Amino acid sequence: MSVSKICGSPEHPEIQQAKFLLRNGADEVVYPERQLAEWSAIRYSSNNISNYIELPGENSIFECKVPKKLGGKTVLELDIRDTKLILWE
């Protein structure tokens, strides 16, 4: 049997347990309760967010309702990169 990746979840979120797992062969340490809490805080802090995917680094993808003023326009037409666009107030 071949294992390509090993993930460990410490019983208590302490730095010592994470270091132990990493030193003993774990490729990654996961904290499911913490990750669920962060996702829930983002998801339920706005009625407009319906889904959230965290990407490596500080990037994320949000699925949200589109305000009527943005409907029918392309990203290029909205000029999002060059303007400060307030979606919801």
N, C-alpha and C. Protein backbone atom coordinates (compact mmCIF):
# COMPACT_ATOMS: atom_id res chain seq x y z
N MET A 1 0.85 -1.17 0.00
CA MET A 1 0.00 0.00 0.00
C MET A 1 0.90 1.24 0.00
N SER A 2 0.52 2.21 -0.81
CA SER A 2 1.30 3.44 -0.92
C SER A 2 0.45 4.62 -0.45
N VAL A 3 1.05 5.47 0.37
CA VAL A 3 0.36 6.66 0.87
C VAL A 3 1.08 7.88 0.32
N SER A 4 0.32 8.78 -0.33
CA SER A 4 0.97 9.93 -0.94
C SER A 4 1.03 11.13 -0.01
N LYS A 5 0.12 11.22 0.94
CA LYS A 5 0.12 12.37 1.85
C LYS A 5 -0.48 11.95 3.18
N ILE A 6 0.12 12.43 4.26
CA ILE A 6 -0.37 12.14 5.60
C ILE A 6 -0.75 13.45 6.28
N CYS A 7 -1.98 13.52 6.76
CA CYS A 7 -2.46 14.69 7.49
C CYS A 7 -2.75 14.25 8.92
N GLY A 8 -2.41 15.11 9.87
CA GLY A 8 -2.67 14.81 11.26
C GLY A 8 -3.50 15.90 11.90
N SER A 9 -4.32 15.51 12.84
CA SER A 9 -5.14 16.47 13.58
C SER A 9 -4.88 16.28 15.06
N PRO A 10 -4.24 17.24 15.71
CA PRO A 10 -3.96 17.10 17.14
C PRO A 10 -5.24 17.11 17.95
N GLU A 11 -5.23 16.38 19.04
CA GLU A 11 -6.41 16.32 19.90
C GLU A 11 -6.71 17.68 20.51
N HIS A 12 -5.66 18.41 20.86
CA HIS A 12 -5.80 19.77 21.38
C HIS A 12 -4.93 20.67 20.52
N PRO A 13 -5.43 21.85 20.14
CA PRO A 13 -4.66 22.71 19.24
C PRO A 13 -3.48 23.39 19.93
N GLU A 14 -2.48 22.60 20.23
CA GLU A 14 -1.29 23.13 20.88
C GLU A 14 -0.11 23.02 19.92
N ILE A 15 0.78 23.96 19.98
CA ILE A 15 1.93 23.99 19.07
C ILE A 15 2.78 22.73 19.23
N GLN A 16 2.93 22.24 20.45
CA GLN A 16 3.78 21.08 20.69
C GLN A 16 3.25 19.84 19.96
N GLN A 17 1.94 19.65 19.96
CA GLN A 17 1.38 18.49 19.29
C GLN A 17 1.55 18.60 17.78
N ALA A 18 1.39 19.81 17.24
CA ALA A 18 1.58 20.01 15.81
C ALA A 18 3.02 19.72 15.41
N LYS A 19 3.96 20.20 16.19
CA LYS A 19 5.38 19.95 15.91
C LYS A 19 5.68 18.45 15.96
N PHE A 20 5.09 17.76 16.94
CA PHE A 20 5.28 16.32 17.07
C PHE A 20 4.79 15.59 15.82
N LEU A 21 3.59 15.95 15.35
CA LEU A 21 3.04 15.31 14.17
C LEU A 21 3.92 15.55 12.94
N LEU A 22 4.38 16.78 12.77
CA LEU A 22 5.21 17.11 11.62
C LEU A 22 6.57 16.39 11.67
N ARG A 23 7.15 16.30 12.87
CA ARG A 23 8.44 15.61 13.02
C ARG A 23 8.32 14.12 12.78
N ASN A 24 7.14 13.58 12.99
CA ASN A 24 6.95 12.13 12.90
C ASN A 24 6.23 11.71 11.62
N GLY A 25 6.35 12.51 10.58
CA GLY A 25 5.90 12.04 9.27
C GLY A 25 4.67 12.69 8.69
N ALA A 26 3.96 13.51 9.43
CA ALA A 26 2.78 14.17 8.88
C ALA A 26 3.22 15.25 7.88
N ASP A 27 2.56 15.31 6.74
CA ASP A 27 2.86 16.34 5.74
C ASP A 27 2.16 17.65 6.10
N GLU A 28 1.07 17.53 6.81
CA GLU A 28 0.26 18.71 7.12
C GLU A 28 -0.49 18.47 8.43
N VAL A 29 -0.70 19.53 9.18
CA VAL A 29 -1.50 19.47 10.40
C VAL A 29 -2.79 20.22 10.13
N VAL A 30 -3.91 19.58 10.37
CA VAL A 30 -5.20 20.22 10.12
C VAL A 30 -5.94 20.40 11.44
N TYR A 31 -6.71 21.46 11.49
CA TYR A 31 -7.53 21.78 12.66
C TYR A 31 -8.97 21.92 12.18
N PRO A 32 -9.72 20.82 12.07
CA PRO A 32 -11.06 20.88 11.50
C PRO A 32 -12.00 21.84 12.22
N GLU A 33 -11.94 21.88 13.55
CA GLU A 33 -12.85 22.76 14.30
C GLU A 33 -12.53 24.22 13.98
N ARG A 34 -11.25 24.57 13.93
CA ARG A 34 -10.83 25.94 13.64
C ARG A 34 -11.21 26.32 12.21
N GLN A 35 -10.98 25.40 11.27
CA GLN A 35 -11.30 25.67 9.87
C GLN A 35 -12.80 25.84 9.67
N LEU A 36 -13.60 25.01 10.35
CA LEU A 36 -15.05 25.14 10.25
C LEU A 36 -15.51 26.45 10.88
N ALA A 37 -14.91 26.86 11.99
CA ALA A 37 -15.29 28.12 12.64
C ALA A 37 -14.96 29.31 11.74
N GLU A 38 -13.79 29.29 11.10
CA GLU A 38 -13.42 30.38 10.19
C GLU A 38 -14.36 30.44 9.00
N TRP A 39 -14.66 29.28 8.41
CA TRP A 39 -15.57 29.23 7.26
C TRP A 39 -16.95 29.73 7.66
N SER A 40 -17.44 29.28 8.81
CA SER A 40 -18.77 29.69 9.28
C SER A 40 -18.84 31.19 9.54
N ALA A 41 -17.78 31.75 10.12
CA ALA A 41 -17.76 33.19 10.39
C ALA A 41 -17.85 33.98 9.09
N ILE A 42 -17.12 33.55 8.07
CA ILE A 42 -17.17 34.24 6.79
C ILE A 42 -18.53 34.04 6.13
N ARG A 43 -19.00 32.81 6.10
CA ARG A 43 -20.26 32.48 5.43
C ARG A 43 -21.45 33.21 6.05
N TYR A 44 -21.52 33.24 7.36
CA TYR A 44 -22.70 33.80 8.02
C TYR A 44 -22.56 35.26 8.41
N SER A 45 -21.44 35.89 8.08
CA SER A 45 -21.30 37.31 8.36
C SER A 45 -21.98 38.16 7.29
N SER A 46 -22.40 37.54 6.21
CA SER A 46 -23.09 38.26 5.14
C SER A 46 -24.18 37.38 4.56
N ASN A 47 -25.34 37.95 4.35
CA ASN A 47 -26.43 37.20 3.72
C ASN A 47 -26.18 36.96 2.24
N ASN A 48 -25.21 37.67 1.68
CA ASN A 48 -24.96 37.60 0.24
C ASN A 48 -23.97 36.50 -0.15
N ILE A 49 -23.22 35.96 0.80
CA ILE A 49 -22.23 34.93 0.48
C ILE A 49 -22.90 33.56 0.58
N SER A 50 -22.85 32.80 -0.52
CA SER A 50 -23.45 31.47 -0.49
C SER A 50 -22.41 30.35 -0.45
N ASN A 51 -21.17 30.65 -0.84
CA ASN A 51 -20.12 29.66 -0.77
C ASN A 51 -18.76 30.36 -0.69
N TYR A 52 -17.78 29.65 -0.16
CA TYR A 52 -16.45 30.24 0.07
C TYR A 52 -15.41 29.15 -0.11
N ILE A 53 -14.39 29.43 -0.93
CA ILE A 53 -13.30 28.48 -1.13
C ILE A 53 -11.99 29.21 -0.83
N GLU A 54 -11.24 28.68 0.11
CA GLU A 54 -9.96 29.29 0.46
C GLU A 54 -8.87 28.72 -0.45
N LEU A 55 -8.07 29.60 -1.01
CA LEU A 55 -6.97 29.21 -1.88
C LEU A 55 -5.64 29.43 -1.15
N PRO A 56 -4.55 28.90 -1.67
CA PRO A 56 -3.25 29.12 -1.03
C PRO A 56 -2.93 30.61 -0.94
N GLY A 57 -2.20 30.97 0.09
CA GLY A 57 -1.85 32.37 0.30
C GLY A 57 -3.02 33.11 0.92
N GLU A 58 -3.20 34.35 0.52
CA GLU A 58 -4.29 35.16 1.07
C GLU A 58 -5.44 35.31 0.07
N ASN A 59 -5.61 34.35 -0.82
CA ASN A 59 -6.63 34.43 -1.85
C ASN A 59 -7.81 33.53 -1.52
N SER A 60 -8.98 33.95 -1.94
CA SER A 60 -10.20 33.18 -1.73
C SER A 60 -11.15 33.42 -2.90
N ILE A 61 -12.07 32.50 -3.05
CA ILE A 61 -13.14 32.66 -4.03
C ILE A 61 -14.46 32.68 -3.26
N PHE A 62 -15.27 33.70 -3.52
CA PHE A 62 -16.57 33.82 -2.88
C PHE A 62 -17.66 33.69 -3.94
N GLU A 63 -18.67 32.91 -3.64
CA GLU A 63 -19.86 32.86 -4.48
C GLU A 63 -20.91 33.72 -3.78
N CYS A 64 -21.41 34.72 -4.47
CA CYS A 64 -22.35 35.63 -3.83
C CYS A 64 -23.39 36.13 -4.83
N LYS A 65 -24.44 36.69 -4.28
CA LYS A 65 -25.49 37.28 -5.11
C LYS A 65 -24.93 38.52 -5.79
N VAL A 66 -25.35 38.74 -7.03
CA VAL A 66 -24.89 39.90 -7.78
C VAL A 66 -25.92 41.02 -7.64
N PRO A 67 -25.51 42.20 -7.18
CA PRO A 67 -26.44 43.32 -7.09
C PRO A 67 -26.97 43.69 -8.48
N LYS A 68 -28.19 44.19 -8.52
CA LYS A 68 -28.81 44.55 -9.80
C LYS A 68 -27.97 45.51 -10.61
N LYS A 69 -27.26 46.45 -9.94
CA LYS A 69 -26.47 47.44 -10.68
C LYS A 69 -25.29 46.81 -11.42
N LEU A 70 -24.93 45.56 -11.05
CA LEU A 70 -23.82 44.88 -11.71
C LEU A 70 -24.29 43.85 -12.73
N GLY A 71 -25.56 43.54 -12.73
CA GLY A 71 -26.11 42.51 -13.60
C GLY A 71 -25.93 42.83 -15.07
N GLY A 72 -25.62 41.80 -15.85
CA GLY A 72 -25.50 41.96 -17.29
C GLY A 72 -24.22 42.61 -17.76
N LYS A 73 -23.27 42.87 -16.87
CA LYS A 73 -22.01 43.52 -17.24
C LYS A 73 -20.86 42.52 -17.09
N THR A 74 -19.85 42.67 -17.91
CA THR A 74 -18.66 41.83 -17.79
C THR A 74 -17.73 42.43 -16.73
N VAL A 75 -16.77 41.64 -16.29
CA VAL A 75 -15.79 42.13 -15.33
C VAL A 75 -15.02 43.30 -15.94
N LEU A 76 -14.73 43.21 -17.22
CA LEU A 76 -14.02 44.29 -17.91
C LEU A 76 -14.85 45.58 -17.91
N GLU A 77 -16.15 45.46 -18.17
CA GLU A 77 -17.02 46.64 -18.17
C GLU A 77 -17.13 47.28 -16.79
N LEU A 78 -17.08 46.46 -15.75
CA LEU A 78 -17.19 46.99 -14.38
C LEU A 78 -15.92 47.69 -13.94
N ASP A 79 -14.80 47.41 -14.60
CA ASP A 79 -13.52 48.06 -14.30
C ASP A 79 -13.18 47.92 -12.81
N ILE A 80 -13.32 46.71 -12.31
CA ILE A 80 -13.14 46.45 -10.88
C ILE A 80 -11.73 46.74 -10.41
N ARG A 81 -10.73 46.47 -11.21
CA ARG A 81 -9.34 46.68 -10.79
C ARG A 81 -9.00 48.15 -10.59
N ASP A 82 -9.64 49.05 -11.33
CA ASP A 82 -9.29 50.47 -11.28
C ASP A 82 -10.24 51.32 -10.45
N THR A 83 -11.28 50.75 -9.93
CA THR A 83 -12.23 51.53 -9.14
C THR A 83 -12.49 50.86 -7.82
N LYS A 84 -12.94 51.63 -6.87
CA LYS A 84 -13.37 51.06 -5.59
C LYS A 84 -14.86 50.82 -5.71
N LEU A 85 -15.20 49.57 -5.86
CA LEU A 85 -16.58 49.20 -6.10
C LEU A 85 -17.21 48.73 -4.80
N ILE A 86 -18.23 49.40 -4.35
CA ILE A 86 -18.94 49.00 -3.13
C ILE A 86 -20.13 48.16 -3.58
N LEU A 87 -20.10 46.87 -3.22
CA LEU A 87 -21.17 45.99 -3.65
C LEU A 87 -22.38 46.07 -2.75
N TRP A 88 -22.16 46.06 -1.45
CA TRP A 88 -23.26 46.12 -0.50
C TRP A 88 -22.91 47.10 0.60
N GLU A 89 -23.90 47.78 1.06
CA GLU A 89 -23.68 48.75 2.14
C GLU A 89 -24.36 48.29 3.40
